[in-house]
N, C-alpha and C. Protein backbone atom coordinates (compact mmCIF):
# COMPACT_ATOMS: atom_id res chain seq x y z
N MET A 1 26.36 -10.95 -1.48
CA MET A 1 26.54 -10.52 -2.86
C MET A 1 25.69 -9.26 -3.09
N GLU A 2 26.21 -8.34 -3.86
CA GLU A 2 25.50 -7.11 -4.19
C GLU A 2 24.21 -7.43 -4.96
N GLU A 3 23.19 -6.63 -4.71
CA GLU A 3 21.90 -6.86 -5.35
C GLU A 3 21.98 -6.75 -6.87
N GLU A 4 22.74 -5.79 -7.38
CA GLU A 4 22.86 -5.62 -8.83
C GLU A 4 23.42 -6.87 -9.48
N LYS A 5 24.40 -7.49 -8.83
CA LYS A 5 25.01 -8.71 -9.36
C LYS A 5 24.00 -9.87 -9.31
N LEU A 6 23.25 -9.96 -8.22
CA LEU A 6 22.22 -11.00 -8.12
C LEU A 6 21.18 -10.85 -9.23
N ILE A 7 20.76 -9.62 -9.48
CA ILE A 7 19.77 -9.36 -10.53
C ILE A 7 20.34 -9.77 -11.89
N GLU A 8 21.57 -9.39 -12.14
CA GLU A 8 22.22 -9.74 -13.41
C GLU A 8 22.28 -11.25 -13.59
N LEU A 9 22.69 -11.96 -12.53
CA LEU A 9 22.76 -13.42 -12.59
C LEU A 9 21.38 -14.04 -12.79
N ALA A 10 20.40 -13.52 -12.06
CA ALA A 10 19.03 -14.04 -12.17
C ALA A 10 18.47 -13.80 -13.57
N GLN A 11 18.76 -12.63 -14.13
CA GLN A 11 18.31 -12.34 -15.49
C GLN A 11 18.95 -13.29 -16.51
N GLY A 12 20.13 -13.79 -16.16
CA GLY A 12 20.83 -14.74 -17.02
C GLY A 12 20.40 -16.19 -16.79
N GLY A 13 19.45 -16.39 -15.90
CA GLY A 13 18.92 -17.74 -15.68
C GLY A 13 19.44 -18.45 -14.44
N ASP A 14 20.23 -17.79 -13.63
CA ASP A 14 20.78 -18.40 -12.42
C ASP A 14 19.67 -18.53 -11.36
N ARG A 15 19.25 -19.78 -11.12
CA ARG A 15 18.15 -20.04 -10.19
C ARG A 15 18.53 -19.73 -8.74
N LYS A 16 19.77 -19.95 -8.40
CA LYS A 16 20.22 -19.67 -7.04
C LYS A 16 20.14 -18.16 -6.75
N ALA A 17 20.55 -17.36 -7.72
CA ALA A 17 20.47 -15.90 -7.56
C ALA A 17 19.02 -15.45 -7.46
N LEU A 18 18.16 -16.04 -8.29
CA LEU A 18 16.73 -15.72 -8.25
C LEU A 18 16.15 -16.09 -6.89
N GLY A 19 16.53 -17.25 -6.38
CA GLY A 19 16.08 -17.69 -5.06
C GLY A 19 16.54 -16.74 -3.96
N GLU A 20 17.75 -16.23 -4.09
CA GLU A 20 18.27 -15.28 -3.10
C GLU A 20 17.48 -13.97 -3.15
N LEU A 21 17.12 -13.51 -4.34
CA LEU A 21 16.32 -12.28 -4.45
C LEU A 21 14.95 -12.48 -3.81
N VAL A 22 14.34 -13.63 -4.07
CA VAL A 22 13.03 -13.92 -3.46
C VAL A 22 13.17 -13.94 -1.95
N LYS A 23 14.20 -14.59 -1.46
CA LYS A 23 14.44 -14.68 -0.01
C LYS A 23 14.62 -13.29 0.60
N ARG A 24 15.36 -12.42 -0.08
CA ARG A 24 15.61 -11.06 0.43
C ARG A 24 14.33 -10.23 0.52
N TYR A 25 13.42 -10.43 -0.43
CA TYR A 25 12.23 -9.57 -0.50
C TYR A 25 10.95 -10.25 -0.04
N GLU A 26 11.03 -11.49 0.35
CA GLU A 26 9.85 -12.25 0.74
C GLU A 26 9.04 -11.57 1.85
N GLN A 27 9.70 -11.18 2.93
CA GLN A 27 9.00 -10.56 4.06
C GLN A 27 8.46 -9.19 3.69
N THR A 28 9.22 -8.40 2.97
CA THR A 28 8.78 -7.07 2.55
C THR A 28 7.54 -7.16 1.67
N VAL A 29 7.57 -8.06 0.71
CA VAL A 29 6.43 -8.24 -0.20
C VAL A 29 5.20 -8.73 0.56
N TYR A 30 5.39 -9.70 1.45
CA TYR A 30 4.25 -10.20 2.21
C TYR A 30 3.66 -9.10 3.10
N ASN A 31 4.53 -8.40 3.83
CA ASN A 31 4.04 -7.34 4.74
C ASN A 31 3.26 -6.28 3.98
N PHE A 32 3.80 -5.84 2.84
CA PHE A 32 3.11 -4.81 2.07
C PHE A 32 1.80 -5.35 1.50
N SER A 33 1.81 -6.59 1.04
CA SER A 33 0.60 -7.23 0.52
C SER A 33 -0.47 -7.28 1.61
N PHE A 34 -0.07 -7.64 2.81
CA PHE A 34 -1.02 -7.74 3.91
C PHE A 34 -1.58 -6.37 4.27
N LYS A 35 -0.73 -5.36 4.26
CA LYS A 35 -1.19 -4.02 4.60
C LYS A 35 -2.25 -3.54 3.61
N ILE A 36 -2.11 -3.91 2.35
CA ILE A 36 -3.08 -3.49 1.35
C ILE A 36 -4.32 -4.38 1.38
N CYS A 37 -4.11 -5.69 1.37
CA CYS A 37 -5.23 -6.64 1.26
C CYS A 37 -5.97 -6.83 2.58
N ARG A 38 -5.28 -6.64 3.70
CA ARG A 38 -5.87 -6.78 5.03
C ARG A 38 -6.42 -8.18 5.27
N ASN A 39 -5.81 -9.18 4.63
CA ASN A 39 -6.29 -10.54 4.73
C ASN A 39 -5.09 -11.46 4.46
N LYS A 40 -4.86 -12.42 5.37
CA LYS A 40 -3.68 -13.30 5.27
C LYS A 40 -3.68 -14.10 3.98
N GLU A 41 -4.80 -14.70 3.65
CA GLU A 41 -4.87 -15.54 2.45
C GLU A 41 -4.64 -14.72 1.18
N LYS A 42 -5.26 -13.54 1.11
CA LYS A 42 -5.08 -12.68 -0.07
C LYS A 42 -3.64 -12.19 -0.15
N ALA A 43 -3.04 -11.89 1.01
CA ALA A 43 -1.66 -11.42 1.04
C ALA A 43 -0.71 -12.52 0.56
N GLU A 44 -0.95 -13.75 1.00
CA GLU A 44 -0.11 -14.86 0.56
C GLU A 44 -0.26 -15.09 -0.94
N ASN A 45 -1.50 -15.02 -1.43
CA ASN A 45 -1.75 -15.17 -2.86
C ASN A 45 -1.05 -14.06 -3.65
N THR A 46 -1.17 -12.83 -3.16
CA THR A 46 -0.53 -11.69 -3.82
C THR A 46 0.98 -11.85 -3.82
N MET A 47 1.54 -12.34 -2.71
CA MET A 47 2.98 -12.55 -2.64
C MET A 47 3.41 -13.58 -3.70
N GLN A 48 2.67 -14.66 -3.81
CA GLN A 48 3.00 -15.68 -4.81
C GLN A 48 2.89 -15.12 -6.23
N GLU A 49 1.82 -14.37 -6.49
CA GLU A 49 1.64 -13.77 -7.81
C GLU A 49 2.75 -12.77 -8.12
N THR A 50 3.17 -12.03 -7.10
CA THR A 50 4.24 -11.04 -7.28
C THR A 50 5.54 -11.72 -7.67
N PHE A 51 5.90 -12.78 -6.97
CA PHE A 51 7.15 -13.46 -7.30
C PHE A 51 7.05 -14.23 -8.61
N LEU A 52 5.87 -14.71 -8.94
CA LEU A 52 5.67 -15.33 -10.25
C LEU A 52 5.88 -14.29 -11.35
N SER A 53 5.33 -13.10 -11.14
CA SER A 53 5.53 -12.00 -12.09
C SER A 53 7.01 -11.63 -12.17
N MET A 54 7.68 -11.63 -11.02
CA MET A 54 9.11 -11.30 -11.02
C MET A 54 9.89 -12.32 -11.85
N VAL A 55 9.59 -13.60 -11.66
CA VAL A 55 10.29 -14.64 -12.42
C VAL A 55 10.06 -14.46 -13.91
N LYS A 56 8.81 -14.18 -14.29
CA LYS A 56 8.47 -14.04 -15.71
C LYS A 56 9.04 -12.77 -16.33
N SER A 57 9.14 -11.70 -15.52
CA SER A 57 9.46 -10.38 -16.09
C SER A 57 10.80 -9.80 -15.66
N LEU A 58 11.57 -10.52 -14.90
CA LEU A 58 12.83 -9.96 -14.41
C LEU A 58 13.75 -9.55 -15.55
N SER A 59 13.65 -10.25 -16.67
CA SER A 59 14.50 -9.89 -17.82
C SER A 59 14.18 -8.49 -18.33
N GLN A 60 12.96 -8.00 -18.05
CA GLN A 60 12.56 -6.65 -18.49
C GLN A 60 12.94 -5.58 -17.48
N PHE A 61 13.39 -5.98 -16.29
CA PHE A 61 13.79 -5.01 -15.27
C PHE A 61 15.06 -4.31 -15.74
N SER A 62 14.97 -2.99 -15.89
CA SER A 62 16.08 -2.23 -16.47
C SER A 62 17.09 -1.73 -15.45
N GLY A 63 16.70 -1.73 -14.19
CA GLY A 63 17.60 -1.22 -13.16
C GLY A 63 17.54 0.28 -13.01
N GLN A 64 16.59 0.94 -13.69
CA GLN A 64 16.47 2.40 -13.56
C GLN A 64 15.87 2.79 -12.22
N SER A 65 15.20 1.86 -11.55
CA SER A 65 14.69 2.09 -10.20
C SER A 65 15.23 0.96 -9.33
N LYS A 66 14.98 1.06 -8.04
CA LYS A 66 15.38 -0.02 -7.15
C LYS A 66 14.47 -1.22 -7.40
N LEU A 67 14.97 -2.42 -7.15
CA LEU A 67 14.14 -3.61 -7.30
C LEU A 67 12.95 -3.54 -6.35
N SER A 68 13.15 -2.99 -5.15
CA SER A 68 12.05 -2.88 -4.19
C SER A 68 10.93 -2.00 -4.75
N THR A 69 11.28 -0.92 -5.43
CA THR A 69 10.27 -0.04 -6.04
C THR A 69 9.49 -0.81 -7.10
N TRP A 70 10.19 -1.57 -7.90
CA TRP A 70 9.56 -2.39 -8.93
C TRP A 70 8.62 -3.40 -8.30
N LEU A 71 9.06 -4.05 -7.21
CA LEU A 71 8.21 -5.04 -6.54
C LEU A 71 7.00 -4.40 -5.88
N TYR A 72 7.15 -3.20 -5.29
CA TYR A 72 6.00 -2.49 -4.72
C TYR A 72 4.95 -2.25 -5.81
N ARG A 73 5.41 -1.91 -6.99
CA ARG A 73 4.47 -1.66 -8.09
C ARG A 73 3.74 -2.94 -8.48
N VAL A 74 4.47 -4.05 -8.55
CA VAL A 74 3.84 -5.33 -8.89
C VAL A 74 2.81 -5.71 -7.82
N VAL A 75 3.17 -5.57 -6.54
CA VAL A 75 2.23 -5.87 -5.44
C VAL A 75 1.00 -4.97 -5.55
N SER A 76 1.23 -3.68 -5.77
CA SER A 76 0.12 -2.73 -5.88
C SER A 76 -0.82 -3.12 -7.00
N ASN A 77 -0.26 -3.46 -8.15
CA ASN A 77 -1.09 -3.85 -9.29
C ASN A 77 -1.89 -5.12 -9.00
N HIS A 78 -1.26 -6.11 -8.37
CA HIS A 78 -1.98 -7.34 -8.04
C HIS A 78 -3.11 -7.06 -7.04
N CYS A 79 -2.83 -6.26 -6.03
CA CYS A 79 -3.86 -5.95 -5.03
C CYS A 79 -5.01 -5.14 -5.63
N LEU A 80 -4.68 -4.20 -6.50
CA LEU A 80 -5.73 -3.41 -7.14
C LEU A 80 -6.59 -4.28 -8.07
N MET A 81 -5.96 -5.20 -8.80
CA MET A 81 -6.73 -6.11 -9.65
C MET A 81 -7.65 -6.99 -8.80
N LEU A 82 -7.14 -7.45 -7.68
CA LEU A 82 -7.93 -8.27 -6.77
C LEU A 82 -9.12 -7.48 -6.23
N ALA A 83 -8.88 -6.23 -5.84
CA ALA A 83 -9.96 -5.39 -5.32
C ALA A 83 -11.01 -5.12 -6.39
N ARG A 84 -10.56 -4.88 -7.61
CA ARG A 84 -11.51 -4.60 -8.69
C ARG A 84 -12.33 -5.84 -9.06
N SER A 85 -11.75 -7.02 -8.85
CA SER A 85 -12.45 -8.24 -9.22
C SER A 85 -13.50 -8.66 -8.20
N GLN A 86 -13.45 -8.08 -7.01
CA GLN A 86 -14.44 -8.41 -6.00
C GLN A 86 -15.79 -7.88 -6.44
N SER A 87 -16.80 -8.71 -6.27
CA SER A 87 -18.14 -8.29 -6.71
C SER A 87 -18.73 -7.24 -5.79
N LYS A 88 -18.35 -7.26 -4.52
CA LYS A 88 -18.90 -6.29 -3.56
C LYS A 88 -17.74 -5.66 -2.80
N TYR A 89 -17.67 -4.36 -2.80
CA TYR A 89 -16.62 -3.67 -2.07
C TYR A 89 -17.09 -3.43 -0.65
N ASP A 90 -16.18 -3.58 0.30
CA ASP A 90 -16.54 -3.39 1.69
C ASP A 90 -15.99 -2.07 2.24
N TYR A 91 -15.93 -1.08 1.38
CA TYR A 91 -15.51 0.24 1.81
C TYR A 91 -16.35 1.29 1.08
N ALA A 92 -16.28 2.48 1.58
CA ALA A 92 -17.04 3.58 0.98
C ALA A 92 -16.28 4.13 -0.22
N SER A 93 -17.00 4.60 -1.20
CA SER A 93 -16.40 5.22 -2.35
C SER A 93 -16.37 6.73 -2.15
N PHE A 94 -15.31 7.37 -2.57
CA PHE A 94 -15.24 8.82 -2.45
C PHE A 94 -16.21 9.50 -3.42
N GLU A 95 -16.65 8.77 -4.42
CA GLU A 95 -17.60 9.33 -5.37
C GLU A 95 -19.04 9.19 -4.87
N ASP A 96 -19.23 8.45 -3.79
CA ASP A 96 -20.56 8.21 -3.23
C ASP A 96 -21.06 9.48 -2.54
N ASP A 97 -22.25 9.94 -2.92
CA ASP A 97 -22.79 11.16 -2.32
C ASP A 97 -23.10 11.00 -0.84
N ASN A 98 -23.24 9.76 -0.38
CA ASN A 98 -23.56 9.53 1.03
C ASN A 98 -22.34 9.68 1.93
N VAL A 99 -21.14 9.72 1.34
CA VAL A 99 -19.93 9.87 2.13
C VAL A 99 -19.60 11.36 2.17
N SER A 100 -19.61 11.90 3.37
CA SER A 100 -19.26 13.32 3.48
C SER A 100 -18.09 13.47 4.43
N ILE A 101 -17.19 14.32 4.03
CA ILE A 101 -16.02 14.60 4.84
C ILE A 101 -16.06 16.09 5.15
N ASP A 102 -16.27 16.40 6.41
CA ASP A 102 -16.33 17.79 6.84
C ASP A 102 -14.92 18.25 7.17
N GLU A 103 -14.35 19.08 6.30
CA GLU A 103 -12.97 19.53 6.47
C GLU A 103 -12.74 20.23 7.81
N LYS A 104 -13.74 20.98 8.30
CA LYS A 104 -13.58 21.67 9.58
C LYS A 104 -13.44 20.66 10.71
N GLU A 105 -14.22 19.60 10.64
CA GLU A 105 -14.19 18.57 11.67
C GLU A 105 -12.88 17.80 11.62
N ILE A 106 -12.34 17.60 10.44
CA ILE A 106 -11.11 16.84 10.27
C ILE A 106 -9.93 17.57 10.90
N ALA A 107 -9.82 18.84 10.63
CA ALA A 107 -8.66 19.61 11.07
C ALA A 107 -8.64 19.83 12.58
N ASP A 108 -9.78 19.71 13.24
CA ASP A 108 -9.88 20.03 14.65
C ASP A 108 -9.77 18.77 15.50
N TRP A 109 -8.55 18.39 15.86
CA TRP A 109 -8.36 17.24 16.73
C TRP A 109 -8.67 17.69 18.15
N LYS A 110 -9.65 17.05 18.77
CA LYS A 110 -10.02 17.43 20.13
C LYS A 110 -9.27 16.61 21.18
N VAL A 111 -8.59 15.58 20.74
CA VAL A 111 -7.79 14.75 21.62
C VAL A 111 -6.37 14.74 21.07
N SER A 112 -5.40 14.89 21.92
CA SER A 112 -4.01 14.93 21.48
C SER A 112 -3.60 13.61 20.83
N PRO A 113 -3.11 13.65 19.60
CA PRO A 113 -2.66 12.42 18.94
C PRO A 113 -1.57 11.69 19.73
N ASP A 114 -0.74 12.43 20.47
CA ASP A 114 0.31 11.79 21.27
C ASP A 114 -0.27 10.85 22.32
N ILE A 115 -1.35 11.28 22.94
CA ILE A 115 -1.99 10.45 23.97
C ILE A 115 -2.66 9.24 23.34
N ILE A 116 -3.35 9.47 22.23
CA ILE A 116 -4.07 8.38 21.57
C ILE A 116 -3.11 7.33 21.03
N THR A 117 -1.97 7.77 20.52
CA THR A 117 -1.01 6.85 19.92
C THR A 117 -0.59 5.77 20.90
N GLU A 118 -0.50 6.13 22.17
CA GLU A 118 -0.10 5.17 23.19
C GLU A 118 -1.20 4.15 23.48
N ASN A 119 -2.36 4.38 22.97
CA ASN A 119 -3.51 3.55 23.26
C ASN A 119 -3.75 2.53 22.14
N ASN A 120 -3.98 1.30 22.49
CA ASN A 120 -4.23 0.27 21.48
C ASN A 120 -5.51 0.51 20.71
N GLU A 121 -6.41 1.28 21.27
CA GLU A 121 -7.66 1.58 20.57
C GLU A 121 -7.40 2.32 19.27
N LEU A 122 -6.39 3.15 19.24
CA LEU A 122 -6.06 3.87 18.02
C LEU A 122 -5.65 2.91 16.92
N LYS A 123 -4.82 1.94 17.26
CA LYS A 123 -4.40 0.97 16.25
C LYS A 123 -5.61 0.24 15.68
N ASP A 124 -6.49 -0.21 16.55
CA ASP A 124 -7.69 -0.92 16.08
C ASP A 124 -8.57 -0.02 15.21
N ALA A 125 -8.74 1.22 15.67
CA ALA A 125 -9.58 2.16 14.91
C ALA A 125 -8.94 2.50 13.56
N LEU A 126 -7.62 2.68 13.56
CA LEU A 126 -6.91 3.00 12.32
C LEU A 126 -6.98 1.81 11.35
N ASP A 127 -6.76 0.61 11.86
CA ASP A 127 -6.87 -0.59 11.00
C ASP A 127 -8.26 -0.68 10.39
N SER A 128 -9.26 -0.43 11.20
CA SER A 128 -10.65 -0.49 10.71
C SER A 128 -10.88 0.58 9.64
N ALA A 129 -10.36 1.78 9.88
CA ALA A 129 -10.54 2.87 8.92
C ALA A 129 -9.78 2.58 7.61
N ILE A 130 -8.57 2.04 7.72
CA ILE A 130 -7.78 1.71 6.53
C ILE A 130 -8.51 0.68 5.68
N LYS A 131 -9.17 -0.28 6.33
CA LYS A 131 -9.93 -1.30 5.59
C LYS A 131 -11.05 -0.67 4.77
N LYS A 132 -11.57 0.46 5.22
CA LYS A 132 -12.67 1.12 4.52
C LYS A 132 -12.21 1.95 3.33
N LEU A 133 -10.91 2.25 3.27
CA LEU A 133 -10.39 3.04 2.15
C LEU A 133 -10.50 2.24 0.85
N PRO A 134 -10.90 2.89 -0.23
CA PRO A 134 -10.83 2.21 -1.54
C PRO A 134 -9.38 1.81 -1.82
N ALA A 135 -9.19 0.69 -2.48
CA ALA A 135 -7.84 0.15 -2.70
C ALA A 135 -6.89 1.16 -3.33
N GLU A 136 -7.38 1.97 -4.28
CA GLU A 136 -6.52 2.94 -4.96
C GLU A 136 -5.96 3.99 -3.99
N TYR A 137 -6.74 4.33 -2.98
CA TYR A 137 -6.31 5.30 -1.98
C TYR A 137 -5.47 4.61 -0.90
N ARG A 138 -5.84 3.38 -0.56
CA ARG A 138 -5.12 2.61 0.46
C ARG A 138 -3.67 2.40 0.03
N VAL A 139 -3.46 2.05 -1.24
CA VAL A 139 -2.11 1.80 -1.74
C VAL A 139 -1.26 3.06 -1.61
N VAL A 140 -1.78 4.19 -2.02
CA VAL A 140 -1.02 5.45 -1.95
C VAL A 140 -0.71 5.79 -0.49
N PHE A 141 -1.70 5.67 0.39
CA PHE A 141 -1.50 5.97 1.81
C PHE A 141 -0.42 5.07 2.41
N LEU A 142 -0.50 3.77 2.13
CA LEU A 142 0.46 2.83 2.71
C LEU A 142 1.88 3.05 2.18
N LEU A 143 2.00 3.28 0.88
CA LEU A 143 3.33 3.53 0.32
C LEU A 143 3.94 4.79 0.91
N ARG A 144 3.16 5.82 0.99
CA ARG A 144 3.67 7.13 1.41
C ARG A 144 3.84 7.24 2.93
N ASP A 145 2.80 6.88 3.69
CA ASP A 145 2.82 7.14 5.13
C ASP A 145 3.26 5.95 5.98
N VAL A 146 3.14 4.76 5.47
CA VAL A 146 3.57 3.60 6.24
C VAL A 146 4.96 3.13 5.78
N GLU A 147 5.13 2.95 4.48
CA GLU A 147 6.42 2.52 3.95
C GLU A 147 7.40 3.70 3.85
N GLU A 148 6.89 4.91 3.98
CA GLU A 148 7.68 6.15 3.99
C GLU A 148 8.46 6.38 2.70
N LEU A 149 7.85 6.03 1.57
CA LEU A 149 8.46 6.34 0.28
C LEU A 149 8.16 7.79 -0.06
N SER A 150 8.93 8.37 -0.92
CA SER A 150 8.70 9.75 -1.34
C SER A 150 7.45 9.81 -2.22
N THR A 151 6.92 10.99 -2.39
CA THR A 151 5.75 11.18 -3.26
C THR A 151 6.11 10.77 -4.69
N GLU A 152 7.32 11.10 -5.12
CA GLU A 152 7.76 10.76 -6.47
C GLU A 152 7.85 9.24 -6.66
N GLU A 153 8.42 8.53 -5.67
CA GLU A 153 8.50 7.07 -5.75
C GLU A 153 7.11 6.45 -5.76
N THR A 154 6.24 6.97 -4.90
CA THR A 154 4.87 6.47 -4.82
C THR A 154 4.16 6.67 -6.15
N ALA A 155 4.30 7.85 -6.74
CA ALA A 155 3.66 8.16 -8.02
C ALA A 155 4.15 7.19 -9.10
N LYS A 156 5.43 6.91 -9.09
CA LYS A 156 5.99 5.99 -10.09
C LYS A 156 5.42 4.58 -9.90
N ILE A 157 5.33 4.14 -8.66
CA ILE A 157 4.83 2.79 -8.37
C ILE A 157 3.38 2.63 -8.81
N VAL A 158 2.54 3.63 -8.52
CA VAL A 158 1.11 3.51 -8.84
C VAL A 158 0.78 4.08 -10.22
N ASP A 159 1.81 4.52 -10.93
CA ASP A 159 1.65 5.02 -12.30
C ASP A 159 0.68 6.19 -12.39
N LEU A 160 0.92 7.17 -11.51
CA LEU A 160 0.14 8.41 -11.50
C LEU A 160 1.10 9.59 -11.53
N SER A 161 0.55 10.75 -11.83
CA SER A 161 1.36 11.97 -11.73
C SER A 161 1.57 12.27 -10.25
N VAL A 162 2.57 13.09 -9.95
CA VAL A 162 2.83 13.49 -8.57
C VAL A 162 1.60 14.23 -8.03
N ALA A 163 0.99 15.08 -8.84
CA ALA A 163 -0.20 15.83 -8.40
C ALA A 163 -1.36 14.88 -8.05
N ALA A 164 -1.59 13.89 -8.90
CA ALA A 164 -2.68 12.93 -8.63
C ALA A 164 -2.37 12.11 -7.38
N THR A 165 -1.11 11.78 -7.19
CA THR A 165 -0.71 11.03 -6.00
C THR A 165 -0.95 11.86 -4.75
N LYS A 166 -0.57 13.14 -4.79
CA LYS A 166 -0.79 14.03 -3.65
C LYS A 166 -2.28 14.17 -3.36
N SER A 167 -3.07 14.25 -4.41
CA SER A 167 -4.52 14.38 -4.25
C SER A 167 -5.10 13.14 -3.57
N ARG A 168 -4.70 11.96 -4.04
CA ARG A 168 -5.19 10.72 -3.43
C ARG A 168 -4.73 10.60 -1.99
N LEU A 169 -3.49 11.00 -1.72
CA LEU A 169 -2.98 10.94 -0.36
C LEU A 169 -3.77 11.88 0.55
N HIS A 170 -4.05 13.09 0.08
CA HIS A 170 -4.83 14.05 0.85
C HIS A 170 -6.22 13.50 1.16
N ARG A 171 -6.87 12.93 0.15
CA ARG A 171 -8.21 12.38 0.34
C ARG A 171 -8.18 11.18 1.30
N ALA A 172 -7.16 10.36 1.18
CA ALA A 172 -7.03 9.20 2.08
C ALA A 172 -6.83 9.66 3.52
N ARG A 173 -5.93 10.61 3.72
CA ARG A 173 -5.68 11.13 5.07
C ARG A 173 -6.93 11.79 5.64
N SER A 174 -7.63 12.55 4.82
CA SER A 174 -8.85 13.21 5.27
C SER A 174 -9.90 12.19 5.68
N PHE A 175 -10.06 11.17 4.87
CA PHE A 175 -11.02 10.11 5.18
C PHE A 175 -10.66 9.42 6.49
N LEU A 176 -9.37 9.10 6.66
CA LEU A 176 -8.93 8.43 7.88
C LEU A 176 -9.11 9.32 9.11
N ARG A 177 -8.80 10.59 9.00
CA ARG A 177 -9.02 11.51 10.13
C ARG A 177 -10.49 11.57 10.49
N ASN A 178 -11.33 11.63 9.48
CA ASN A 178 -12.77 11.68 9.71
C ASN A 178 -13.24 10.41 10.43
N GLU A 179 -12.75 9.27 9.99
CA GLU A 179 -13.11 8.00 10.63
C GLU A 179 -12.63 7.95 12.08
N LEU A 180 -11.41 8.44 12.32
CA LEU A 180 -10.88 8.44 13.69
C LEU A 180 -11.63 9.44 14.57
N ASN A 181 -12.01 10.57 14.00
CA ASN A 181 -12.81 11.53 14.76
C ASN A 181 -14.14 10.92 15.19
N LYS A 182 -14.75 10.12 14.33
CA LYS A 182 -16.02 9.46 14.67
C LYS A 182 -15.84 8.58 15.91
N VAL A 183 -14.69 7.93 16.00
CA VAL A 183 -14.45 7.01 17.11
C VAL A 183 -14.04 7.75 18.37
N PHE A 184 -13.13 8.70 18.27
CA PHE A 184 -12.53 9.28 19.45
C PHE A 184 -13.16 10.61 19.90
N VAL A 185 -13.74 11.33 19.01
CA VAL A 185 -14.29 12.64 19.37
C VAL A 185 -15.78 12.55 19.66
N HIS A 186 -16.47 11.70 18.95
CA HIS A 186 -17.94 11.66 19.06
C HIS A 186 -18.43 10.49 19.91
N GLU A 187 -17.60 10.05 20.85
CA GLU A 187 -18.02 8.94 21.71
C GLU A 187 -19.08 9.37 22.68
């Protein structure tokens, strides 16, 4: 059945249609939740909260965007609220004076990314670096560079201007390059 028809039926109270929508997006929502939260339990909780929000708010879904875009926004909001509620953050803040990003060092890759990509060490180092990103930057990076959404879609999901989204993406990429340089260049 077409997604638009399922949404219409679900908005009208059809539980089977609602169940089908949850089934269709269950893996996508969980995967994205895990990429942001970096924790299985938090990702499962976020997935449940996301679908609970969908059940409560589906009647307000206008269809002006894709349902997946709407769900990405709900997941992002839940993950950001969770990150803000933590009493201690386990990542560096970009506003922290102790965090320095040397733009010259970032731009100068001394090891070919093609060679590193084939190495499992890069995945581990990248995962570690992503965990250090503040949640607001992690969400933008994951939506744009991992989920491959457009800058405009990403901006809409995180409720920022396109310029602010580009700025956060640039800072996230710079931070990640700096972290990877620490591992691979300064060994």
